[in-house]
Protein backbone atom coordinates (compact mmCIF):
# COMPACT_ATOMS: atom_id res chain seq x y z
CA UNK A 1 -12.88 34.19 -30.73
CA UNK A 2 -12.43 36.15 -27.95
CA UNK A 3 -14.81 38.69 -26.57
CA UNK A 4 -13.79 41.91 -25.27
CA UNK A 5 -15.79 44.21 -23.15
CA UNK A 6 -15.12 47.99 -23.17
CA UNK A 7 -16.57 50.22 -20.14
CA UNK A 8 -15.97 54.15 -21.12
CA UNK A 9 -18.38 57.20 -20.88
CA UNK A 10 -16.38 58.88 -23.84
CA UNK A 11 -18.45 57.69 -26.74
CA UNK A 12 -15.78 58.59 -29.43
CA UNK A 13 -12.77 56.96 -27.32
CA UNK A 14 -14.89 53.66 -27.09
CA UNK A 15 -15.66 53.60 -30.64
CA UNK A 16 -12.22 54.20 -31.60
CA UNK A 17 -10.68 51.31 -29.06
CA UNK A 18 -13.78 49.26 -30.75
CA UNK A 19 -12.79 49.77 -34.12
CA UNK A 20 -8.67 49.18 -33.19
CA UNK A 21 -9.64 45.94 -31.33
CA UNK A 22 -12.46 44.52 -33.94
CA UNK A 23 -9.82 45.06 -36.52
CA UNK A 24 -7.41 42.56 -34.88
CA UNK A 25 -10.67 39.62 -35.09
CA UNK A 26 -12.07 40.42 -31.57
CA UNK A 27 -15.55 40.31 -31.04
CA UNK A 28 -16.23 43.71 -29.15
CA UNK A 29 -19.23 44.86 -27.03
CA UNK A 30 -19.73 48.54 -25.56
CA UNK A 31 -21.11 49.92 -22.15
CA UNK A 32 -21.29 53.34 -20.99
CA UNK A 33 -21.58 53.00 -17.42
CA UNK A 34 -21.23 50.31 -14.29
CA UNK A 35 -25.10 49.47 -14.76
CA UNK A 36 -25.08 48.75 -18.13
CA UNK A 37 -21.30 46.86 -17.82
CA UNK A 38 -22.69 44.29 -15.32
CA UNK A 39 -25.72 43.95 -17.46
CA UNK A 40 -23.50 43.12 -20.76
CA UNK A 41 -21.46 40.52 -18.35
CA UNK A 42 -24.59 38.50 -17.26
CA UNK A 43 -25.59 38.26 -20.93
CA UNK A 44 -22.48 37.21 -22.83
CA UNK A 45 -19.04 35.32 -21.96
CA UNK A 46 -16.33 37.70 -21.96
CA UNK A 47 -12.61 37.02 -21.50
CA UNK A 48 -11.08 40.56 -21.26
CA UNK A 49 -12.67 44.15 -20.12
CA UNK A 50 -11.09 47.43 -21.05
CA UNK A 51 -12.46 49.58 -18.10
CA UNK A 52 -12.00 53.48 -17.63
CA UNK A 53 -11.47 54.53 -14.00
CA UNK A 54 -14.08 57.37 -14.03
CA UNK A 55 -17.71 56.50 -14.84
CA UNK A 56 -20.80 58.33 -14.49
CA UNK A 57 -22.29 56.08 -11.89
CA UNK A 58 -18.96 54.76 -9.93
CA UNK A 59 -15.37 53.92 -9.98
CA UNK A 60 -13.79 51.44 -12.34
CA UNK A 61 -11.19 50.27 -9.53
CA UNK A 62 -14.37 49.29 -7.63
CA UNK A 63 -16.20 47.72 -10.65
CA UNK A 64 -12.82 45.80 -11.35
CA UNK A 65 -13.10 44.32 -8.00
CA UNK A 66 -16.75 43.63 -8.19
CA UNK A 67 -15.92 41.71 -11.57
CA UNK A 68 -13.43 39.57 -10.40
CA UNK A 69 -15.49 38.51 -7.85
CA UNK A 70 -18.56 37.60 -10.06
CA UNK A 71 -16.17 36.16 -12.88
CA UNK A 72 -12.73 35.21 -11.84
CA UNK A 73 -11.98 34.03 -15.25
CA UNK A 74 -11.96 37.57 -17.02
CA UNK A 75 -8.87 39.71 -17.10
CA UNK A 76 -9.38 43.39 -16.71
CA UNK A 77 -7.33 46.14 -18.01
CA UNK A 78 -7.82 49.60 -16.55
CA UNK A 79 -7.91 52.44 -18.46
CA UNK A 80 -6.66 55.16 -16.34
CA UNK A 81 -6.28 59.23 -16.82
CA UNK A 82 -2.59 60.95 -16.63
CA UNK A 83 -1.85 61.59 -13.16
CA UNK A 84 -4.16 58.55 -12.22
CA UNK A 85 -1.76 55.86 -11.72
CA UNK A 86 -2.26 54.85 -7.96
CA UNK A 87 -5.80 53.75 -9.71
CA UNK A 88 -4.21 51.50 -11.63
CA UNK A 89 -1.90 50.07 -9.28
CA UNK A 90 -4.76 49.77 -6.84
CA UNK A 91 -6.77 48.02 -9.82
CA UNK A 92 -4.09 45.31 -10.00
CA UNK A 93 -4.22 44.97 -6.10
CA UNK A 94 -7.64 43.88 -7.03
CA UNK A 95 -7.02 41.66 -9.63
CA UNK A 96 -6.68 43.47 -12.53
CA UNK A 97 -4.47 42.29 -15.60
CA UNK A 98 -2.80 45.70 -15.78
CA UNK A 99 -3.36 49.49 -16.90
CA UNK A 100 -2.69 51.81 -19.36
CA UNK A 101 -2.76 55.61 -19.59
CA UNK A 102 -6.08 56.71 -21.45
CA UNK A 103 -5.59 58.10 -25.06
CA UNK A 104 -1.71 58.09 -25.34
CA UNK A 105 -1.12 54.26 -25.03
CA UNK A 106 -3.51 53.38 -27.61
CA UNK A 107 -0.45 51.27 -29.26
CA UNK A 108 -0.10 49.36 -26.56
CA UNK A 109 -3.67 47.83 -26.37
CA UNK A 110 -3.41 45.25 -28.93
CA UNK A 111 0.05 43.49 -27.54
CA UNK A 112 -1.79 43.81 -23.81
CA UNK A 113 -4.96 42.47 -25.21
CA UNK A 114 -3.02 39.30 -26.71
CA UNK A 115 -1.30 38.73 -23.51
CA UNK A 116 -4.53 38.74 -21.30
CA UNK A 117 -5.82 36.68 -23.88
CA UNK A 118 -3.00 33.68 -23.38
CA UNK A 119 -3.57 34.28 -19.63
CA UNK A 120 -7.11 33.22 -20.22
CA UNK A 121 -7.03 30.72 -22.40
CA UNK A 122 -4.11 29.28 -20.61
CA UNK A 123 -6.91 29.11 -17.11
CA UNK A 124 -9.17 27.68 -19.44
CA UNK A 125 -6.88 24.99 -20.41
CA UNK A 126 -5.69 24.13 -17.12
CA UNK A 127 -9.32 24.04 -15.48
CA UNK A 128 -9.87 21.55 -18.55
CA UNK A 129 -6.89 19.43 -17.47
CA UNK A 130 -8.19 19.36 -13.76
CA UNK A 131 -11.99 18.15 -15.22
CA UNK A 132 -10.21 15.54 -17.07
CA UNK A 133 -8.32 14.62 -14.25
CA UNK A 134 -11.11 14.85 -12.11
CA UNK A 135 -13.60 12.63 -14.22
CA UNK A 136 -10.37 9.98 -14.48
CA UNK A 137 -10.00 9.40 -11.02
CA UNK A 138 -13.94 9.88 -9.92
CA UNK A 139 -15.79 7.20 -7.99
CA UNK A 140 -17.81 7.06 -11.34
CA UNK A 141 -15.03 5.16 -13.05
CA UNK A 142 -14.79 2.53 -10.15
CA UNK A 143 -16.79 -0.33 -12.53
CA UNK A 144 -19.06 -2.92 -11.33
CA UNK A 145 -22.64 -3.39 -9.47
CA UNK A 146 -22.01 -6.26 -7.22
CA UNK A 147 -23.00 -5.70 -3.79
CA UNK A 148 -19.31 -5.98 -2.46
CA UNK A 149 -17.87 -3.47 -4.46
CA UNK A 150 -20.93 -1.34 -4.06
CA UNK A 151 -20.36 -1.19 -0.56
CA UNK A 152 -16.80 -0.55 -0.70
CA UNK A 153 -17.50 2.35 -3.28
CA UNK A 154 -20.14 3.87 -0.71
CA UNK A 155 -17.87 3.91 2.48
CA UNK A 156 -15.22 5.06 0.43
CA UNK A 157 -17.27 8.23 -0.75
CA UNK A 158 -18.64 8.90 2.61
CA UNK A 159 -14.92 9.28 4.18
CA UNK A 160 -13.47 10.82 1.16
CA UNK A 161 -15.00 14.15 2.35
CA UNK A 162 -12.79 13.93 5.35
CA UNK A 163 -9.58 14.13 6.68
CA UNK A 164 -9.19 10.87 8.18
CA UNK A 165 -6.52 8.43 7.59
CA UNK A 166 -8.22 5.41 5.63
CA UNK A 167 -6.85 1.99 5.17
CA UNK A 168 -7.38 0.00 2.18
CA UNK A 169 -7.27 -3.95 2.74
CA UNK A 170 -7.53 -6.40 -0.47
CA UNK A 171 -5.49 -8.76 -2.54
CA UNK A 172 -3.12 -7.81 -5.08
CA UNK A 173 -5.00 -6.73 -8.31
CA UNK A 174 -8.22 -5.44 -6.86
CA UNK A 175 -7.70 -1.41 -7.40
CA UNK A 176 -6.77 0.00 -4.20
CA UNK A 177 -4.66 2.89 -5.93
CA UNK A 178 -7.72 3.33 -7.84
CA UNK A 179 -9.98 3.91 -4.65
CA UNK A 180 -6.92 6.24 -3.29
CA UNK A 181 -7.35 8.35 -6.00
CA UNK A 182 -11.23 8.60 -6.03
CA UNK A 183 -10.98 9.21 -2.58
CA UNK A 184 -8.40 11.88 -3.15
CA UNK A 185 -10.28 13.33 -6.07
CA UNK A 186 -13.45 13.63 -4.25
CA UNK A 187 -11.79 15.35 -1.17
CA UNK A 188 -10.95 18.93 -0.31
CA UNK A 189 -7.40 18.59 -0.83
CA UNK A 190 -8.59 17.42 -4.90
CA UNK A 191 -6.46 20.58 -6.26
CA UNK A 192 -3.27 19.51 -3.80
CA UNK A 193 -0.85 16.53 -4.74
CA UNK A 194 -1.46 13.36 -4.69
CA UNK A 195 1.85 11.40 -4.23
CA UNK A 196 2.04 7.30 -4.21
CA UNK A 197 4.87 4.91 -3.47
CA UNK A 198 4.96 1.16 -3.37
CA UNK A 199 6.75 0.38 0.02
CA UNK A 200 7.87 -3.06 -1.27
CA UNK A 201 10.07 -1.75 -4.09
CA UNK A 202 12.43 -0.18 -1.81
CA UNK A 203 14.93 -1.38 1.33
CA UNK A 204 14.57 0.20 4.14
CA UNK A 205 17.49 2.64 3.49
CA UNK A 206 16.15 3.70 0.35
CA UNK A 207 12.57 3.82 1.28
CA UNK A 208 13.65 6.19 4.27
CA UNK A 209 15.25 8.79 1.70
CA UNK A 210 12.03 8.44 -0.72
CA UNK A 211 9.49 9.27 2.03
CA UNK A 212 11.23 11.79 4.44
CA UNK A 213 14.08 13.15 2.20
CA UNK A 214 17.64 13.26 3.00
CA UNK A 215 20.57 15.93 3.42
CA UNK A 216 23.39 15.98 1.12
CA UNK A 217 26.23 13.86 2.33
CA UNK A 218 24.07 11.66 4.73
CA UNK A 219 25.10 8.40 3.01
CA UNK A 220 27.11 7.64 0.06
CA UNK A 221 25.94 8.58 -2.95
CA UNK A 222 23.44 11.47 -1.29
CA UNK A 223 25.54 14.69 -3.29
CA UNK A 224 22.54 17.00 -2.67
CA UNK A 225 19.60 17.90 -0.79
CA UNK A 226 16.57 15.59 -1.61
CA UNK A 227 12.87 16.35 -0.81
CA UNK A 228 10.95 13.28 0.54
CA UNK A 229 7.46 12.30 -0.41
CA UNK A 230 5.90 13.54 2.41
CA UNK A 231 7.60 17.28 1.60
CA UNK A 232 6.04 16.49 -1.98
CA UNK A 233 2.19 15.67 -1.08
CA UNK A 234 2.46 18.64 1.58
CA UNK A 235 -1.21 19.95 1.50
CA UNK A 236 -2.49 16.98 -0.38
CA UNK A 237 -2.51 13.14 0.06
CA UNK A 238 0.31 10.09 0.06
CA UNK A 239 -0.85 6.78 -0.92
CA UNK A 240 1.64 4.32 0.95
CA UNK A 241 0.95 1.51 -0.81
CA UNK A 242 1.95 -2.41 0.58
CA UNK A 243 2.42 -0.73 3.93
CA UNK A 244 2.70 -4.49 5.41
CA UNK A 245 6.62 -4.33 3.89
CA UNK A 246 7.45 -1.52 6.18
CA UNK A 247 10.71 -1.80 8.38
CA UNK A 248 9.71 -1.39 12.13
CA UNK A 249 12.03 1.54 12.17
CA UNK A 250 10.29 3.39 9.37
CA UNK A 251 7.01 2.28 11.26
CA UNK A 252 8.25 4.47 14.06
CA UNK A 253 8.67 7.42 12.02
CA UNK A 254 5.54 6.98 10.27
CA UNK A 255 3.78 6.71 13.69
CA UNK A 256 5.56 10.05 14.51
CA UNK A 257 3.84 11.66 11.14
CA UNK A 258 0.54 10.48 12.28
CA UNK A 259 0.59 11.87 15.65
CA UNK A 260 2.28 14.99 15.38
CA UNK A 261 2.53 15.77 11.64
CA UNK A 262 6.45 15.94 12.12
CA UNK A 263 9.40 13.94 10.59
CA UNK A 264 13.17 14.15 10.52
CA UNK A 265 14.99 13.88 7.21
CA UNK A 266 17.88 11.00 6.67
CA UNK A 267 21.36 12.66 8.24
CA UNK A 268 19.20 15.74 9.65
CA UNK A 269 18.20 16.59 13.16
CA UNK A 270 15.99 19.12 12.90
CA UNK A 271 12.11 18.40 12.80
CA UNK A 272 9.99 19.44 9.60
CA UNK A 273 6.35 19.65 9.53
CA UNK A 274 4.15 18.24 7.06
CA UNK A 275 0.27 18.67 6.40
CA UNK A 276 -0.67 15.24 4.57
CA UNK A 277 -3.81 13.08 4.36
CA UNK A 278 -2.37 9.55 5.06
CA UNK A 279 -4.06 6.40 2.80
CA UNK A 280 -2.18 3.11 3.43
CA UNK A 281 -2.72 -0.19 1.63
CA UNK A 282 -1.89 -3.80 1.99
CA UNK A 283 -2.76 -7.22 1.08
CA UNK A 284 -1.59 -8.77 4.10
CA UNK A 285 -3.23 -9.57 7.17
CA UNK A 286 -1.66 -6.98 9.75
CA UNK A 287 -3.47 -8.59 12.69
CA UNK A 288 -1.30 -11.56 11.87
CA UNK A 289 1.67 -9.77 11.06
CA UNK A 290 1.35 -7.81 15.12
CA UNK A 291 1.39 -11.37 16.57
CA UNK A 292 4.44 -12.26 14.69
CA UNK A 293 6.15 -8.80 15.57
CA UNK A 294 5.90 -7.76 12.05
CA UNK A 295 4.04 -4.71 12.44
CA UNK A 296 3.56 -2.11 15.27
CA UNK A 297 0.38 -2.42 16.92
CA UNK A 298 0.31 1.49 17.81
CA UNK A 299 0.73 2.12 14.24
CA UNK A 300 -2.15 -0.18 13.00
CA UNK A 301 -4.60 1.50 15.02
CA UNK A 302 -3.73 4.74 13.85
CA UNK A 303 -4.03 3.83 10.43
CA UNK A 304 -7.03 1.57 10.41
CA UNK A 305 -9.27 4.49 12.05
CA UNK A 306 -11.32 3.80 8.67
CA UNK A 307 -10.81 0.23 6.99
CA UNK A 308 -12.53 -0.18 3.61
CA UNK A 309 -12.29 -3.98 2.48
CA UNK A 310 -11.56 -4.35 -1.43
CA UNK A 311 -13.06 -7.91 -2.84
CA UNK A 312 -11.50 -10.44 -5.05
CA UNK A 313 -12.80 -10.45 -8.32
CA UNK A 314 -13.94 -14.10 -7.71
CA UNK A 315 -16.39 -12.55 -5.14
CA UNK A 316 -17.69 -10.12 -7.85
CA UNK A 317 -19.07 -12.62 -10.87
CA UNK A 318 -21.41 -10.37 -12.02
CA UNK A 319 -19.04 -7.29 -12.49
CA UNK A 320 -16.67 -9.97 -14.73
CA UNK A 321 -18.31 -9.26 -18.04
CA UNK A 322 -19.12 -5.48 -17.45
CA UNK A 323 -14.92 -5.04 -16.72
CA UNK A 324 -14.33 -7.22 -19.79
CA UNK A 325 -16.58 -5.39 -21.75
CA UNK A 326 -14.76 -1.99 -20.69
CA UNK A 327 -11.38 -3.50 -21.10
CA UNK A 328 -12.57 -4.71 -24.58
CA UNK A 329 -13.21 -1.12 -25.79
CA UNK A 330 -10.00 0.52 -24.40
CA UNK A 331 -7.85 -1.72 -25.94
CA UNK A 332 -9.89 -2.00 -29.43
CA UNK A 333 -8.75 1.68 -29.56
CA UNK A 334 -5.69 1.31 -28.60
CA UNK A 335 -5.01 -1.43 -31.36
CA UNK A 336 -7.54 -0.34 -33.80
CA UNK A 337 -9.72 -3.57 -33.68
CA UNK A 338 -13.12 -3.65 -34.17
CA UNK A 339 -14.90 -6.14 -31.78
CA UNK A 340 -18.42 -5.89 -31.28
CA UNK A 341 -19.58 -8.78 -28.91
CA UNK A 342 -18.30 -11.43 -26.49
CA UNK A 343 -19.47 -15.04 -26.96
CA UNK A 344 -21.43 -16.57 -24.37
CA UNK A 345 -18.84 -19.44 -24.11
CA UNK A 346 -16.35 -16.62 -23.84
CA UNK A 347 -18.06 -14.71 -20.74
CA UNK A 348 -18.79 -18.12 -19.25
CA UNK A 349 -15.33 -19.20 -19.17
CA UNK A 350 -13.94 -15.86 -17.60
CA UNK A 351 -16.82 -15.94 -14.55
CA UNK A 352 -15.56 -19.89 -14.18
CA UNK A 353 -11.73 -18.56 -14.01
CA UNK A 354 -10.64 -17.86 -10.07
CA UNK A 355 -8.75 -14.78 -11.07
CA UNK A 356 -6.08 -15.08 -8.25
CA UNK A 357 -4.26 -11.86 -9.93
CA UNK A 358 -7.77 -9.74 -9.69
CA UNK A 359 -8.78 -6.81 -11.94
CA UNK A 360 -5.03 -6.97 -13.18
CA UNK A 361 -4.99 -10.42 -14.49
CA UNK A 362 -8.26 -9.82 -16.01
CA UNK A 363 -7.00 -6.61 -18.02
CA UNK A 364 -4.31 -8.46 -18.84
CA UNK A 365 -6.19 -11.38 -20.32
CA UNK A 366 -8.73 -9.12 -22.17
CA UNK A 367 -5.49 -7.17 -23.99
CA UNK A 368 -4.01 -10.43 -25.18
CA UNK A 369 -7.32 -11.58 -26.36
CA UNK A 370 -8.30 -8.13 -28.34
CA UNK A 371 -4.56 -8.29 -29.81
CA UNK A 372 -5.08 -11.94 -31.09
CA UNK A 373 -8.88 -11.88 -32.38
CA UNK A 374 -9.35 -11.65 -35.75
CA UNK A 375 -13.03 -11.62 -35.71
CA UNK A 376 -16.01 -8.83 -34.64
CA UNK A 377 -16.52 -11.46 -31.81
CA UNK A 378 -14.29 -12.86 -28.83
CA UNK A 379 -14.57 -16.51 -28.19
CA UNK A 380 -13.06 -18.86 -26.31
CA UNK A 381 -10.43 -19.96 -28.63
CA UNK A 382 -9.15 -16.59 -28.11
CA UNK A 383 -8.37 -17.58 -24.51
CA UNK A 384 -5.20 -18.25 -22.99
CA UNK A 385 -4.98 -22.23 -23.00
CA UNK A 386 -5.35 -22.08 -18.94
CA UNK A 387 -8.80 -20.38 -19.34
CA UNK A 388 -9.56 -23.02 -22.49
CA UNK A 389 -9.09 -25.72 -20.55
CA UNK A 390 -11.36 -24.83 -16.99
CA UNK A 391 -13.55 -27.59 -16.97
CA UNK A 392 -15.21 -29.92 -14.66
CA UNK A 393 -13.41 -33.01 -13.42
CA UNK A 394 -14.73 -34.99 -16.52
CA UNK A 395 -12.42 -32.49 -18.45
CA UNK A 396 -15.49 -31.05 -20.63
CA UNK A 397 -15.05 -27.73 -21.70
CA UNK A 398 -17.38 -25.36 -19.51
CA UNK A 399 -20.32 -23.89 -21.74
CA UNK A 400 -23.05 -21.36 -21.01
CA UNK A 401 -25.97 -24.16 -20.85
CA UNK A 402 -23.63 -26.86 -18.86
CA UNK A 403 -25.75 -27.66 -15.70
CA UNK A 404 -22.82 -27.77 -13.31
CA UNK A 405 -21.50 -24.53 -14.53
CA UNK A 406 -24.59 -22.77 -13.93
CA UNK A 407 -25.11 -24.61 -10.51
CA UNK A 408 -21.38 -22.97 -9.38
CA UNK A 409 -22.24 -19.83 -10.77
CA UNK A 410 -25.46 -19.78 -8.69
CA UNK A 411 -23.69 -20.33 -5.88
CA UNK A 412 -21.24 -18.13 -6.00
CA UNK A 413 -23.88 -15.27 -6.73
CA UNK A 414 -26.02 -16.23 -3.07
CA UNK A 415 -22.35 -16.51 -1.76
CA UNK A 416 -21.61 -12.62 -2.60
CA UNK A 417 -25.31 -11.49 -1.86
CA UNK A 418 -24.75 -12.69 1.78
CA UNK A 419 -20.80 -11.57 2.51
CA UNK A 420 -19.70 -15.17 2.11
CA UNK A 421 -22.19 -16.28 5.22
CA UNK A 422 -22.71 -20.14 4.06
CA UNK A 423 -25.22 -20.76 6.62
CA UNK A 424 -27.56 -18.32 4.85
CA UNK A 425 -26.03 -19.07 1.80
CA UNK A 426 -27.36 -22.89 2.72
CA UNK A 427 -31.07 -21.09 3.87
CA UNK A 428 -31.34 -19.31 0.22
CA UNK A 429 -30.25 -22.16 -1.71
CA UNK A 430 -32.81 -24.44 0.47
CA UNK A 431 -30.01 -27.18 0.75
CA UNK A 432 -28.42 -28.47 3.83
CA UNK A 433 -25.40 -26.47 5.02
CA UNK A 434 -23.27 -29.94 5.13
CA UNK A 435 -24.39 -29.95 1.22
CA UNK A 436 -23.08 -26.79 0.74
CA UNK A 437 -20.02 -27.55 1.63
CA UNK A 438 -19.69 -30.35 -0.14
CA UNK A 439 -20.77 -28.45 -3.14
CA UNK A 440 -17.97 -25.39 -2.08
CA UNK A 441 -15.41 -28.69 -2.27
CA UNK A 442 -16.59 -29.72 -5.41
CA UNK A 443 -16.66 -26.61 -7.54
CA UNK A 444 -13.41 -25.53 -5.71
CA UNK A 445 -15.15 -22.19 -4.81
CA UNK A 446 -13.27 -20.46 -1.58
């Protein structure tokens, strides 16, 4: 039920309006002056305020401005006397929804109220959707408690509130776009556009057009002007995934955007301005690409102002079970399955797999398992054959109680803790460095 506040010092008119509006199913509260109105506003959550211009202790036009400043979601309809139209116009400039002539336009009040309520509900719905989007892409949705992922999230949170260019490095499937979205939605640009493009999905000419736009007739098939993504993302964030695949010519254009905020559309000679934050990502080692002449060194320096390395899943063994349970929950809802637990052997087999496709591969495997499962528990038998057959060299299936499996898992955990420092890992394990290298080779730990 919508709540309406009537602010008018004329008791008879106030009572009449209250009766008319109440009959439409609205909850109505009355106030005779500015002071009482402000007190009622503090005590209740109103959708619309009907406010007279002339009040005993103030001016309704000024009051409407004050209300909008304190309660921007409330729509205000001003009640103005005949000949006082300028007050109504000024009220609208102050943020009021509309105005009506007091006493003569009572038949217009209800339709006007309904339109105001529609606007209020639309704004509330928009705010709700924005919150849902913010929640969906927040850092809280990056799952994991391993040291590498916690460190990566910490870095991303620190840089999010700036306009600094970010370079996300990591293997395919490690969640680079998830990080980019989280950085954007934690930034001052959160309510502005977020635009993403995979640079490996287009050839040079098409990527140029996608990024910077083109004029009609610029090339065969260009029948009309096209906005580029840098124009679409203006004031927001653009995410350039797999930037290592970009041609040298486009790298030069991107460098200009980074340095001056300017670009030229395909088939156009004039420059255009853009104000975007750039987040780039790649699975390639760009230093190696520079040495082979495939990537510009000056662009690399501009992009890598703030680098974040996203760890592969095999370096986040402690997170595998957490992620698996999360994916099971998601896919159970989608497929209407009722899986409650993961067996110890199932979890162990997941932890022993190398996950070359990282989180994306794990997600796909879990979806398959959920679809094929016939019980309330996922077991090794639900896994793809290649994961079922993960074993030591003698072909024995891995078990949560297998000594070799436990040793391998422990070595992986210590390596994660030391961020891959093998000398420190050997010291913590209290073994010789040569012994560690032998075990790394035996267990195929990279």
